[in-house]
N, C-alpha and C. Protein backbone atom coordinates (compact mmCIF):
# COMPACT_ATOMS: atom_id res chain seq x y z
N LYS A 1 88.96 87.16 88.76
CA LYS A 1 88.68 88.72 88.81
C LYS A 1 89.09 89.30 90.05
N ILE A 2 89.79 90.35 89.91
CA ILE A 2 90.17 91.08 91.25
C ILE A 2 89.13 92.22 91.59
N LYS A 3 88.71 92.37 92.73
CA LYS A 3 87.73 93.16 93.08
C LYS A 3 88.49 94.61 93.35
N GLY A 4 87.99 95.60 92.65
CA GLY A 4 88.53 96.79 92.85
C GLY A 4 87.72 97.73 93.89
N LEU A 5 88.21 98.93 94.14
CA LEU A 5 87.47 99.73 95.11
C LEU A 5 86.54 100.81 94.38
N ASP A 6 86.20 100.38 93.13
CA ASP A 6 85.22 101.39 92.45
C ASP A 6 83.82 101.40 92.81
N LYS A 7 83.33 100.33 93.44
CA LYS A 7 81.85 100.32 93.89
C LYS A 7 81.82 100.11 95.29
N PHE A 8 80.96 100.77 95.96
CA PHE A 8 80.79 100.48 97.44
C PHE A 8 79.55 99.79 97.67
N ALA A 9 78.50 100.30 97.09
CA ALA A 9 77.15 99.78 97.40
C ALA A 9 76.27 100.13 95.98
N GLY A 10 75.41 99.11 95.84
CA GLY A 10 74.48 99.27 94.60
C GLY A 10 75.21 98.94 93.44
N GLY A 11 74.40 99.07 92.30
CA GLY A 11 74.88 98.94 91.05
C GLY A 11 74.69 97.44 90.54
N GLU A 12 75.20 97.17 89.34
CA GLU A 12 74.93 95.94 88.67
C GLU A 12 75.65 94.70 89.40
N PHE A 13 76.89 95.01 89.72
CA PHE A 13 77.81 94.10 90.29
C PHE A 13 78.09 94.60 91.88
N THR A 14 78.24 93.56 92.75
CA THR A 14 78.65 93.94 94.07
C THR A 14 80.04 94.29 94.09
N GLY A 15 80.21 95.15 94.95
CA GLY A 15 81.63 95.69 95.26
C GLY A 15 82.32 95.00 96.41
N TRP A 16 82.98 95.82 97.37
CA TRP A 16 83.70 95.18 98.29
C TRP A 16 82.94 95.37 99.74
N GLU A 17 81.86 95.85 99.73
CA GLU A 17 81.15 96.10 100.91
C GLU A 17 80.68 94.69 101.87
N PHE A 18 80.40 93.59 101.10
CA PHE A 18 80.31 92.45 101.80
C PHE A 18 81.56 91.88 102.36
N ASP A 19 82.56 91.93 101.66
CA ASP A 19 83.84 91.49 102.22
C ASP A 19 84.32 92.39 103.56
N LEU A 20 83.94 93.66 103.38
CA LEU A 20 84.26 94.49 104.60
C LEU A 20 83.50 94.09 105.76
N VAL A 21 82.15 93.86 105.53
CA VAL A 21 81.26 93.53 106.71
C VAL A 21 81.66 92.13 107.27
N MET A 22 82.08 91.11 106.45
CA MET A 22 82.36 90.00 106.96
C MET A 22 83.85 90.01 107.69
N LEU A 23 84.61 90.78 107.22
CA LEU A 23 85.90 91.12 107.92
C LEU A 23 85.73 91.75 109.36
N ALA A 24 84.79 92.69 109.30
CA ALA A 24 84.48 93.28 110.64
C ALA A 24 83.82 92.35 111.58
N ALA A 25 83.08 91.61 111.04
CA ALA A 25 82.33 90.62 111.94
C ALA A 25 83.28 89.66 112.48
N CYS A 26 84.11 89.01 111.68
CA CYS A 26 85.12 88.10 112.32
C CYS A 26 86.08 88.79 113.14
N LEU A 27 86.50 89.98 112.93
CA LEU A 27 87.32 90.67 113.89
C LEU A 27 86.65 90.87 115.27
N MET A 28 85.49 91.28 115.23
CA MET A 28 84.67 91.57 116.38
C MET A 28 84.69 90.12 117.22
N ILE A 29 84.29 89.07 116.54
CA ILE A 29 84.23 87.83 117.34
C ILE A 29 85.57 87.35 117.94
N ILE A 30 86.72 87.67 117.04
CA ILE A 30 87.97 87.30 117.58
C ILE A 30 88.34 88.11 118.79
N ILE A 31 87.99 89.52 118.76
CA ILE A 31 88.39 90.37 119.82
C ILE A 31 87.58 90.07 120.97
N THR A 32 86.27 90.08 120.88
CA THR A 32 85.32 90.13 122.09
C THR A 32 84.85 88.69 122.49
N GLY A 33 84.97 87.70 121.61
CA GLY A 33 84.53 86.43 121.83
C GLY A 33 83.10 86.40 121.70
N PRO A 34 82.48 85.16 121.52
CA PRO A 34 81.08 84.96 121.28
C PRO A 34 80.16 85.36 122.50
N GLY A 35 80.52 85.10 123.45
CA GLY A 35 79.96 85.58 124.79
C GLY A 35 78.57 84.78 125.13
N ARG A 36 77.49 85.60 125.32
CA ARG A 36 76.30 84.87 125.70
C ARG A 36 75.56 84.10 124.55
N VAL A 37 75.93 84.47 123.29
CA VAL A 37 75.30 83.97 122.19
C VAL A 37 76.08 82.66 121.67
N SER A 38 77.01 82.28 122.38
CA SER A 38 77.77 81.11 122.09
C SER A 38 76.88 79.75 122.29
N ILE A 39 77.25 78.60 121.54
CA ILE A 39 76.53 77.46 121.68
C ILE A 39 76.93 76.69 122.93
N VAL A 40 78.41 76.97 123.32
CA VAL A 40 78.71 76.39 124.70
C VAL A 40 77.88 76.92 125.80
N ASN A 41 77.70 78.29 125.76
CA ASN A 41 76.95 78.96 126.72
C ASN A 41 75.50 78.40 126.84
N VAL A 42 74.92 78.10 125.89
CA VAL A 42 73.68 77.57 125.85
C VAL A 42 73.59 76.14 126.30
N ILE A 43 74.48 75.34 125.94
CA ILE A 43 74.60 73.99 126.47
C ILE A 43 74.79 74.05 128.12
N LYS A 44 75.54 74.99 128.47
CA LYS A 44 75.87 75.06 130.04
C LYS A 44 74.51 75.16 130.64
N LYS A 45 73.53 75.89 130.16
CA LYS A 45 72.15 76.18 130.77
C LYS A 45 71.32 75.09 130.78
N ILE A 46 71.37 73.91 129.89
CA ILE A 46 70.60 72.82 129.92
C ILE A 46 70.85 71.90 131.05
N PRO A 47 69.92 71.54 131.87
CA PRO A 47 69.99 70.66 132.85
C PRO A 47 70.68 69.31 132.45
N ARG A 48 71.61 68.87 133.38
CA ARG A 48 72.35 67.55 133.06
C ARG A 48 71.40 66.45 132.82
N TYR A 49 70.29 66.17 133.41
CA TYR A 49 69.42 65.08 133.15
C TYR A 49 68.79 65.03 131.66
N LEU A 50 68.73 66.31 131.04
CA LEU A 50 68.22 66.33 129.68
C LEU A 50 69.22 66.04 128.72
N ILE A 51 70.43 65.96 128.99
CA ILE A 51 71.53 65.81 128.04
C ILE A 51 71.81 64.33 127.95
């Protein structure tokens, strides 16, 4: 089934709003990087003797 642009929010069936939000989130992570919330950044803060 091909999703059309007929519904944005609400209704019986979901439209394309979830796809749009996921695309925006992926683009923001690609452009800005994960930053302070990344797992690598959290691991760097753990003292070496605990790893």
